[in-house]
Amino acid sequence: MEQGDSMRQACRRFMNQISLKLGGGPVAEEDLRGKCAACIQQEQPEAREALTALSQVIVRQAAGKDALDVLRFYLDSQFELGDSEEARLLVNKLAALGGRRVSEARTGTAPKISVIITTYNRKAFLRQAVESILAQDYPNKEVVVIDDASTDGTEVLMAECFGDEPRVIYMRGESNRGPGANRLAAFTAHGDGEYVLFLDDDDYLIDSGYFSRAAAFHESRPGLAFVAANVFLEYSASQRLKLQEIGLSEVTDRRTYFLNFERPGYGKPASTLTTLFRREALIRMDILQMNMVNDASIYLRSLLVGDAGFIDAVVGVYRIHGNNITFNLSRDFLVRNLEEKRSIRNLAVERYSYQKKEMNSWFNNTAYDTIVYYLWNSAKTKDDFMYMYQWIRGNCPDIYGKVKQEFRVRLMKKQILQVPFIRKLIGR
């Protein structure tokens, strides 16, 4: 039996066993985890990792955190069993537990949601991204696709698939300007919704009721700058899904989150694919004057003007693959990113009463994290390292020695690999 068939059979057995254990009514979260773990131990070792991941999804379902469509999606994408008899039985058992989230779909007047999708040569992904927005049960939404001069037929795809869709606007640039500039251009031209979501072309939503739920959350708490939720991380090479839970409070204080952003316990949501920003907050935080409209900077600026809201629900999929921009940063891109964060530091001190000393420390910390990420993941040559060292010495000298020490051995390897004889000797 092929490995895929063996895994599906293990999944079928697991679903049947869990369905039987759910037959007696509501079950405590810890008890269900224990029941799942006991069933998993009965399976072969090669199936246990996949079933453990599935058990996380089931436990969340039993607690009423996620839409039932999320479980079906997971079973279909990971085991090709979303429509199986075992899946239908399990979904019905979970639905009968009570406490399921009631759809908050709007039937009357609803604030407009503007979704801005930047794209470049990813038509294979783009269609799914757009369709996932149109599938939202929220009635007042508009999708703006801004094409960064793609050469793969994106323009034809948009005309064929969405040319007659009044809720979709297509913009095409004549030259490649990058996602940051395109987000700003699309926002300026068409981002007039009360709420705005910035979506990358390779990500998509899987909970059709999310917009309704997020908009209702915003309306119940007018002081929020944004509302975000959890996602699956999809590792495209293996097609495996991993649950990413933000783990922050339903309402997280702006100052605390801003000062600790991306530090332990204060993680950043995956990109901005689940994040509904209040447009008023984007204007107040000077989005139109941003040097670089990327996700971290949008979050940081937003936290200067409002608190963060989080919904403990899995609602989207963030793809991780070799073409993610975060794994292929240029040094010019990185420096513009750092200059944007320096602008945020200055804005916090000059307009929002943050102390200069604490913000200088904040900038050194965020610059260090950003630079280290670049040097580990994207720096290719000795010149990349030397360029960054020079920038650090001139702009944040307090971290210069720490960065050089951390990458001393790595730079030596880069220098050695530049010798043609050595490159030929090791086959690189």
Protein backbone atom coordinates (compact mmCIF):
# COMPACT_ATOMS: atom_id res chain seq x y z
CA MET A 1 0.00 0.00 0.00
CA GLU A 2 1.38 3.41 -0.91
CA GLN A 3 2.27 5.79 1.91
CA GLY A 4 -0.55 8.17 0.95
CA ASP A 5 -3.14 5.40 1.12
CA SER A 6 -1.73 4.19 4.41
CA MET A 7 -1.98 7.70 5.87
CA ARG A 8 -5.57 8.08 4.68
CA GLN A 9 -6.53 4.77 6.28
CA ALA A 10 -4.94 5.90 9.55
CA CYS A 11 -6.89 9.15 9.34
CA ARG A 12 -10.16 7.29 8.71
CA ARG A 13 -9.59 5.08 11.76
CA PHE A 14 -8.69 8.09 13.88
CA MET A 15 -11.80 10.05 12.85
CA ASN A 16 -14.04 7.08 13.59
CA GLN A 17 -12.54 6.59 17.03
CA ILE A 18 -12.87 10.28 17.93
CA SER A 19 -16.47 10.35 16.66
CA LEU A 20 -17.29 7.47 19.00
CA LYS A 21 -15.68 9.29 21.92
CA LEU A 22 -17.74 12.41 21.16
CA GLY A 23 -20.98 10.47 21.33
CA GLY A 24 -21.69 11.28 24.99
CA GLY A 25 -22.03 15.05 24.63
CA PRO A 26 -19.67 17.92 25.50
CA VAL A 27 -16.12 17.00 26.46
CA ALA A 28 -13.50 19.11 28.25
CA GLU A 29 -10.63 20.35 26.09
CA GLU A 30 -7.93 18.55 28.08
CA ASP A 31 -9.97 15.33 28.11
CA LEU A 32 -10.33 15.45 24.34
CA ARG A 33 -6.61 16.01 23.92
CA GLY A 34 -5.99 12.96 26.04
CA LYS A 35 -8.44 10.85 24.04
CA CYS A 36 -6.79 11.97 20.79
CA ALA A 37 -3.31 11.17 22.12
CA ALA A 38 -4.43 7.69 23.19
CA CYS A 39 -5.85 6.97 19.71
CA ILE A 40 -2.70 8.28 18.01
CA GLN A 41 -0.50 5.91 20.02
CA GLN A 42 -2.34 2.99 18.45
CA GLU A 43 -1.14 4.00 14.97
CA GLN A 44 2.17 3.40 13.26
CA PRO A 45 4.95 5.92 14.11
CA GLU A 46 4.97 7.37 10.58
CA ALA A 47 1.32 8.46 10.96
CA ARG A 48 1.55 9.99 14.41
CA GLU A 49 2.90 13.42 13.44
CA ALA A 50 0.12 14.04 10.91
CA LEU A 51 -2.57 12.80 13.28
CA THR A 52 -1.22 14.94 16.13
CA ALA A 53 -1.58 18.00 13.90
CA LEU A 54 -5.13 16.90 13.01
CA SER A 55 -5.96 16.50 16.70
CA GLN A 56 -5.08 20.18 17.26
CA VAL A 57 -7.65 21.14 14.65
CA ILE A 58 -10.28 18.82 16.15
CA VAL A 59 -9.76 20.16 19.68
CA ARG A 60 -10.22 23.71 18.42
CA GLN A 61 -13.37 22.61 16.58
CA ALA A 62 -14.79 20.98 19.71
CA ALA A 63 -14.22 24.27 21.58
CA GLY A 64 -16.21 26.13 18.89
CA LYS A 65 -13.27 28.34 17.92
CA ASP A 66 -13.17 27.64 14.18
CA ALA A 67 -15.77 27.34 11.44
CA LEU A 68 -16.57 23.74 10.50
CA ASP A 69 -15.41 24.51 6.96
CA VAL A 70 -11.89 24.84 8.38
CA LEU A 71 -11.88 21.19 9.48
CA ARG A 72 -13.20 20.09 6.08
CA PHE A 73 -10.50 22.16 4.37
CA TYR A 74 -7.80 20.63 6.54
CA LEU A 75 -8.97 17.07 5.97
CA ASP A 76 -9.21 17.64 2.22
CA SER A 77 -5.83 19.33 1.80
CA GLN A 78 -3.88 16.99 4.06
CA PHE A 79 -5.64 13.64 3.56
CA GLU A 80 -8.03 14.11 0.59
CA LEU A 81 -10.84 13.10 2.95
CA GLY A 82 -12.84 16.31 3.29
CA ASP A 83 -15.94 14.71 1.74
CA SER A 84 -15.50 11.23 3.21
CA GLU A 85 -18.14 9.47 5.28
CA GLU A 86 -15.83 9.58 8.29
CA ALA A 87 -15.36 13.34 7.90
CA ARG A 88 -19.10 13.97 7.64
CA LEU A 89 -19.71 11.93 10.79
CA LEU A 90 -17.01 13.78 12.71
CA VAL A 91 -18.24 17.20 11.54
CA ASN A 92 -21.80 16.32 12.59
CA LYS A 93 -20.61 15.17 16.01
CA LEU A 94 -18.65 18.38 16.52
CA ALA A 95 -21.56 20.52 15.33
CA ALA A 96 -23.84 18.80 17.85
CA LEU A 97 -21.62 19.69 20.79
CA GLY A 98 -23.32 23.08 21.09
CA GLY A 99 -21.69 26.45 21.46
CA ARG A 100 -20.95 26.66 17.76
CA ARG A 101 -20.33 30.11 16.44
CA VAL A 102 -23.46 31.55 14.84
CA SER A 103 -22.88 33.30 11.53
CA GLU A 104 -22.82 37.06 11.84
CA ALA A 105 -23.50 37.69 8.16
CA ARG A 106 -24.97 41.12 7.51
CA THR A 107 -28.19 41.52 5.61
CA GLY A 108 -28.62 45.29 5.80
CA THR A 109 -26.25 48.22 5.49
CA ALA A 110 -22.69 47.24 6.37
CA PRO A 111 -19.48 49.29 6.39
CA LYS A 112 -17.46 48.73 3.24
CA ILE A 113 -14.37 46.51 3.32
CA SER A 114 -11.68 47.28 0.72
CA VAL A 115 -9.29 44.41 -0.02
CA ILE A 116 -6.04 45.34 -1.77
CA ILE A 117 -4.12 42.50 -3.45
CA THR A 118 -0.65 43.15 -4.85
CA THR A 119 0.48 40.67 -7.48
CA TYR A 120 3.45 39.90 -9.72
CA ASN A 121 3.71 36.81 -11.93
CA ARG A 122 1.60 34.59 -9.69
CA LYS A 123 -1.55 34.04 -11.68
CA ALA A 124 -1.66 30.42 -10.48
CA PHE A 125 -2.19 31.70 -6.93
CA LEU A 126 -3.99 34.96 -7.63
CA ARG A 127 -7.30 33.47 -8.72
CA GLN A 128 -7.63 31.55 -5.44
CA ALA A 129 -6.82 34.68 -3.43
CA VAL A 130 -9.52 36.75 -5.19
CA GLU A 131 -12.13 33.98 -5.02
CA SER A 132 -11.52 33.52 -1.29
CA ILE A 133 -12.51 37.16 -0.75
CA LEU A 134 -15.56 36.98 -3.00
CA ALA A 135 -16.65 33.88 -1.06
CA GLN A 136 -16.95 35.90 2.16
CA ASP A 137 -20.57 36.17 3.30
CA TYR A 138 -20.07 39.85 4.10
CA PRO A 139 -22.21 41.87 1.64
CA ASN A 140 -20.25 45.11 1.20
CA LYS A 141 -16.77 44.30 -0.06
CA GLU A 142 -14.55 45.34 -2.96
CA VAL A 143 -11.35 43.73 -4.24
CA VAL A 144 -8.60 45.84 -5.81
CA VAL A 145 -5.92 43.85 -7.64
CA ILE A 146 -2.84 45.88 -8.51
CA ASP A 147 -0.55 44.13 -10.99
CA ASP A 148 3.15 45.01 -10.84
CA ALA A 149 3.64 44.67 -14.62
CA SER A 150 3.34 40.87 -14.68
CA THR A 151 4.51 38.98 -17.77
CA ASP A 152 2.79 35.63 -17.08
CA GLY A 153 -0.69 36.39 -18.43
CA THR A 154 -2.13 37.84 -15.23
CA GLU A 155 -3.96 40.50 -17.25
CA VAL A 156 -5.68 37.82 -19.35
CA LEU A 157 -6.61 35.81 -16.25
CA MET A 158 -8.21 38.84 -14.61
CA ALA A 159 -10.20 39.66 -17.75
CA GLU A 160 -11.41 36.09 -18.23
CA CYS A 161 -12.23 35.29 -14.61
CA PHE A 162 -13.25 38.62 -13.13
CA GLY A 163 -13.85 40.98 -16.05
CA ASP A 164 -17.62 40.91 -15.44
CA GLU A 165 -17.35 41.00 -11.63
CA PRO A 166 -18.35 44.51 -10.42
CA ARG A 167 -16.76 43.89 -7.01
CA VAL A 168 -13.29 43.46 -8.54
CA ILE A 169 -11.13 46.36 -9.78
CA TYR A 170 -7.98 45.59 -11.78
CA MET A 171 -5.06 48.03 -11.92
CA ARG A 172 -1.93 47.38 -13.95
CA GLY A 173 1.40 49.18 -13.62
CA GLU A 174 3.62 49.87 -16.60
CA SER A 175 6.81 49.13 -14.66
CA ASN A 176 7.81 46.98 -11.70
CA ARG A 177 7.72 49.07 -8.51
CA GLY A 178 7.42 46.49 -5.74
CA PRO A 179 4.55 45.59 -3.41
CA GLY A 180 4.99 48.50 -1.01
CA ALA A 181 4.55 51.19 -3.66
CA ASN A 182 1.65 49.26 -5.18
CA ARG A 183 -0.20 48.93 -1.88
CA LEU A 184 -0.02 52.66 -1.44
CA ALA A 185 -1.11 53.36 -5.03
CA ALA A 186 -4.12 51.05 -4.73
CA PHE A 187 -5.05 52.43 -1.32
CA THR A 188 -4.89 56.00 -2.63
CA ALA A 189 -6.97 55.19 -5.70
CA HIS A 190 -9.60 52.82 -4.32
CA GLY A 191 -9.07 52.10 -0.60
CA ASP A 192 -12.15 54.00 0.53
CA GLY A 193 -13.74 51.28 2.69
CA GLU A 194 -14.21 51.86 6.39
CA TYR A 195 -12.03 48.78 6.82
CA VAL A 196 -9.03 47.79 4.68
CA LEU A 197 -7.26 44.44 4.28
CA PHE A 198 -3.92 44.05 2.46
CA LEU A 199 -3.61 40.57 0.93
CA ASP A 200 -0.62 39.02 -0.84
CA ASP A 201 -1.44 37.16 -4.03
CA ASP A 202 -0.28 33.76 -2.73
CA ASP A 203 -2.39 33.77 0.46
CA TYR A 204 -6.12 33.13 0.88
CA LEU A 205 -8.99 32.92 3.37
CA ILE A 206 -10.80 29.69 4.25
CA ASP A 207 -13.50 30.89 6.67
CA SER A 208 -16.30 32.50 4.65
CA GLY A 209 -17.73 34.17 7.74
CA TYR A 210 -14.55 35.91 8.85
CA PHE A 211 -15.26 39.40 7.48
CA SER A 212 -18.64 39.44 9.22
CA ARG A 213 -17.08 38.40 12.50
CA ALA A 214 -14.13 40.83 12.27
CA ALA A 215 -16.34 43.80 11.29
CA ALA A 216 -18.67 43.04 14.21
CA PHE A 217 -15.64 42.92 16.53
CA HIS A 218 -14.51 46.33 15.25
CA GLU A 219 -17.96 47.83 15.74
CA SER A 220 -18.18 46.55 19.30
CA ARG A 221 -14.79 48.09 20.18
CA PRO A 222 -14.32 51.45 18.41
CA GLY A 223 -10.79 51.96 19.81
CA LEU A 224 -9.21 49.15 17.79
CA ALA A 225 -6.74 49.97 15.03
CA PHE A 226 -7.01 46.46 13.58
CA VAL A 227 -8.46 42.99 14.09
CA ALA A 228 -6.48 39.85 13.17
CA ALA A 229 -6.83 36.06 13.51
CA ASN A 230 -4.92 32.78 13.23
CA VAL A 231 -3.79 30.96 10.08
CA PHE A 232 -2.40 27.73 8.76
CA LEU A 233 1.17 27.98 7.49
CA GLU A 234 1.37 25.98 4.26
CA TYR A 235 4.84 24.66 3.46
CA SER A 236 4.52 24.39 -0.28
CA ALA A 237 7.40 21.95 -0.83
CA SER A 238 5.77 19.30 1.38
CA GLN A 239 2.16 20.56 1.18
CA ARG A 240 1.94 20.27 4.96
CA LEU A 241 -0.12 22.67 7.07
CA LYS A 242 0.99 23.95 10.46
CA LEU A 243 -1.28 25.84 12.83
CA GLN A 244 -0.08 29.31 13.83
CA GLU A 245 -1.88 30.71 16.86
CA ILE A 246 -1.17 34.35 17.76
CA GLY A 247 -1.89 33.73 21.43
CA LEU A 248 -2.52 37.36 22.41
CA SER A 249 -5.41 38.78 24.41
CA GLU A 250 -8.69 39.54 22.67
CA VAL A 251 -7.84 43.22 23.08
CA THR A 252 -4.11 43.94 23.45
CA ASP A 253 -2.93 47.33 24.68
CA ARG A 254 -1.34 49.40 21.93
CA ARG A 255 1.66 50.65 23.92
CA THR A 256 2.60 47.25 25.34
CA TYR A 257 2.33 45.56 21.96
CA PHE A 258 4.19 48.35 20.16
CA LEU A 259 7.18 48.30 22.52
CA ASN A 260 7.39 44.48 22.44
CA PHE A 261 6.39 43.87 18.82
CA GLU A 262 7.85 40.58 17.47
CA ARG A 263 9.51 39.85 20.79
CA PRO A 264 8.69 36.67 22.79
CA GLY A 265 5.00 36.60 23.67
CA TYR A 266 4.13 39.40 21.24
CA GLY A 267 4.36 37.79 17.83
CA LYS A 268 3.26 39.39 14.57
CA PRO A 269 0.29 37.96 12.67
CA ALA A 270 1.27 36.14 9.49
CA SER A 271 1.61 38.91 6.92
CA THR A 272 -1.65 40.94 6.83
CA LEU A 273 -3.88 38.30 5.27
CA THR A 274 -6.35 38.20 8.19
CA THR A 275 -5.99 41.80 9.34
CA LEU A 276 -8.87 44.23 9.00
CA PHE A 277 -7.44 47.71 9.56
CA ARG A 278 -9.70 50.60 10.43
CA ARG A 279 -9.16 53.08 7.58
CA GLU A 280 -9.33 56.02 9.97
CA ALA A 281 -6.40 54.51 11.89
CA LEU A 282 -4.38 54.11 8.67
CA ILE A 283 -4.89 57.78 7.84
CA ARG A 284 -4.07 58.93 11.36
CA MET A 285 -0.84 56.94 11.37
CA ASP A 286 0.24 58.64 8.11
CA ILE A 287 0.06 55.75 5.67
CA LEU A 288 0.22 58.23 2.79
CA GLN A 289 3.66 59.37 3.97
CA MET A 290 5.15 55.93 4.53
CA ASN A 291 8.54 55.16 3.01
CA MET A 292 7.65 51.48 2.76
CA VAL A 293 4.16 50.03 3.11
CA ASN A 294 5.10 46.56 4.37
CA ASP A 295 3.34 44.53 7.01
CA ALA A 296 5.53 45.17 10.08
CA SER A 297 5.55 48.93 9.48
CA ILE A 298 1.78 49.06 8.99
CA TYR A 299 1.27 47.19 12.26
CA LEU A 300 3.70 49.39 14.18
CA ARG A 301 2.23 52.64 12.92
CA SER A 302 -1.29 51.38 13.61
CA LEU A 303 -0.35 50.57 17.20
CA LEU A 304 0.53 54.23 17.71
CA VAL A 305 -3.13 55.16 17.24
CA GLY A 306 -5.19 52.20 18.48
CA ASP A 307 -5.27 48.88 20.33
CA ALA A 308 -5.02 45.48 18.63
CA GLY A 309 -7.91 43.03 18.44
CA PHE A 310 -7.50 39.29 18.01
CA ILE A 311 -10.03 36.59 17.19
CA ASP A 312 -8.96 33.11 18.23
CA ALA A 313 -10.03 31.47 14.99
CA VAL A 314 -8.15 29.92 12.06
CA VAL A 315 -9.36 31.81 9.00
CA GLY A 316 -6.66 31.77 6.31
CA VAL A 317 -3.61 30.12 4.77
CA TYR A 318 -0.17 31.72 4.52
CA ARG A 319 2.04 30.00 1.97
CA ILE A 320 5.75 29.53 2.68
CA HIS A 321 7.78 28.79 -0.41
CA GLY A 322 11.03 29.73 -2.12
CA ASN A 323 9.60 32.87 -3.70
CA ASN A 324 8.40 34.59 -0.52
CA ILE A 325 9.82 38.11 -0.54
CA THR A 326 10.85 37.75 3.11
CA PHE A 327 13.40 35.09 2.08
CA ASN A 328 14.77 37.08 -0.87
CA LEU A 329 15.32 40.59 0.49
CA SER A 330 17.68 42.96 -1.30
CA ARG A 331 19.90 45.15 0.84
CA ASP A 332 18.31 48.29 -0.63
CA PHE A 333 14.90 46.94 0.40
CA LEU A 334 16.23 46.23 3.86
CA VAL A 335 17.68 49.73 4.31
CA ARG A 336 14.40 51.33 3.23
CA ASN A 337 12.66 49.08 5.77
CA LEU A 338 15.04 50.28 8.51
CA GLU A 339 14.60 53.91 7.51
CA GLU A 340 10.83 53.44 7.78
CA LYS A 341 11.25 52.07 11.31
CA ARG A 342 13.43 55.04 12.16
CA SER A 343 10.59 57.28 10.98
CA ILE A 344 8.24 55.33 13.26
CA ARG A 345 10.62 55.91 16.18
CA ASN A 346 10.64 59.64 15.50
CA LEU A 347 6.85 59.72 15.12
CA ALA A 348 6.40 57.93 18.45
CA VAL A 349 8.58 60.48 20.25
CA GLU A 350 7.36 63.64 18.53
CA ARG A 351 3.62 62.95 18.40
CA TYR A 352 2.73 60.17 20.82
CA SER A 353 4.72 61.04 23.97
CA TYR A 354 7.08 58.08 23.94
CA GLN A 355 10.38 58.72 25.72
CA LYS A 356 13.39 59.29 23.49
CA LYS A 357 15.59 56.91 25.49
CA GLU A 358 13.11 54.03 25.34
CA MET A 359 12.54 54.58 21.64
CA ASN A 360 16.27 54.60 20.88
CA SER A 361 16.50 51.25 22.68
CA TRP A 362 13.41 50.06 20.75
CA PHE A 363 14.98 51.07 17.43
CA ASN A 364 18.26 49.31 18.25
CA ASN A 365 16.36 46.13 19.12
CA THR A 366 14.14 46.15 16.03
CA ALA A 367 17.08 47.10 13.78
CA TYR A 368 19.13 44.25 15.22
CA ASP A 369 16.34 41.71 14.63
CA THR A 370 15.76 42.97 11.07
CA ILE A 371 19.45 42.99 10.13
CA VAL A 372 20.15 39.58 11.64
CA TYR A 373 17.18 38.12 9.73
CA TYR A 374 18.55 39.56 6.49
CA LEU A 375 22.11 38.37 7.08
CA TRP A 376 20.95 34.84 7.91
CA ASN A 377 18.37 34.44 5.13
CA SER A 378 19.12 36.79 2.24
CA ALA A 379 22.73 38.08 2.27
CA LYS A 380 24.61 36.33 -0.53
CA THR A 381 28.05 37.95 -0.82
CA LYS A 382 30.77 39.62 1.21
CA ASP A 383 29.61 42.94 -0.25
CA ASP A 384 26.15 42.41 1.28
CA PHE A 385 27.72 42.01 4.71
CA MET A 386 30.10 44.96 4.36
CA TYR A 387 27.30 47.20 3.10
CA MET A 388 25.19 46.39 6.14
CA TYR A 389 28.10 46.81 8.56
CA GLN A 390 28.72 50.28 7.17
CA TRP A 391 25.03 51.18 7.52
CA ILE A 392 24.93 49.93 11.12
CA ARG A 393 28.05 51.90 12.10
CA GLY A 394 26.53 55.12 10.75
CA ASN A 395 22.93 54.68 11.98
CA CYS A 396 22.84 52.46 15.08
CA PRO A 397 26.43 52.07 16.31
CA ASP A 398 25.31 50.55 19.63
CA ILE A 399 24.61 47.21 17.93
CA TYR A 400 27.60 47.28 15.53
CA GLY A 401 29.91 45.10 17.65
CA LYS A 402 27.15 42.60 18.50
CA VAL A 403 26.21 42.06 14.84
CA LYS A 404 29.82 41.73 13.66
CA GLN A 405 30.60 39.19 16.37
CA GLU A 406 27.55 37.08 15.54
CA PHE A 407 28.39 36.88 11.83
CA ARG A 408 32.20 36.81 11.96
CA VAL A 409 32.44 33.12 11.02
CA ARG A 410 29.68 33.36 8.43
CA LEU A 411 31.44 36.27 6.69
CA MET A 412 34.70 34.33 6.65
CA LYS A 413 32.90 31.50 4.83
CA LYS A 414 31.50 33.98 2.30
CA GLN A 415 35.01 35.35 1.69
CA ILE A 416 36.45 31.87 1.23
CA LEU A 417 33.71 30.91 -1.22
CA GLN A 418 34.61 33.89 -3.40
CA VAL A 419 37.94 32.22 -4.29
CA PRO A 420 37.31 30.51 -7.70
CA PHE A 421 39.58 27.52 -6.94
CA ILE A 422 37.72 26.72 -3.71
CA ARG A 423 34.31 27.13 -5.36
CA LYS A 424 35.36 24.69 -8.09
CA LEU A 425 36.83 22.27 -5.53
CA ILE A 426 33.57 21.96 -3.56
CA GLY A 427 31.34 22.02 -6.62
CA ARG A 428 29.71 25.42 -6.00
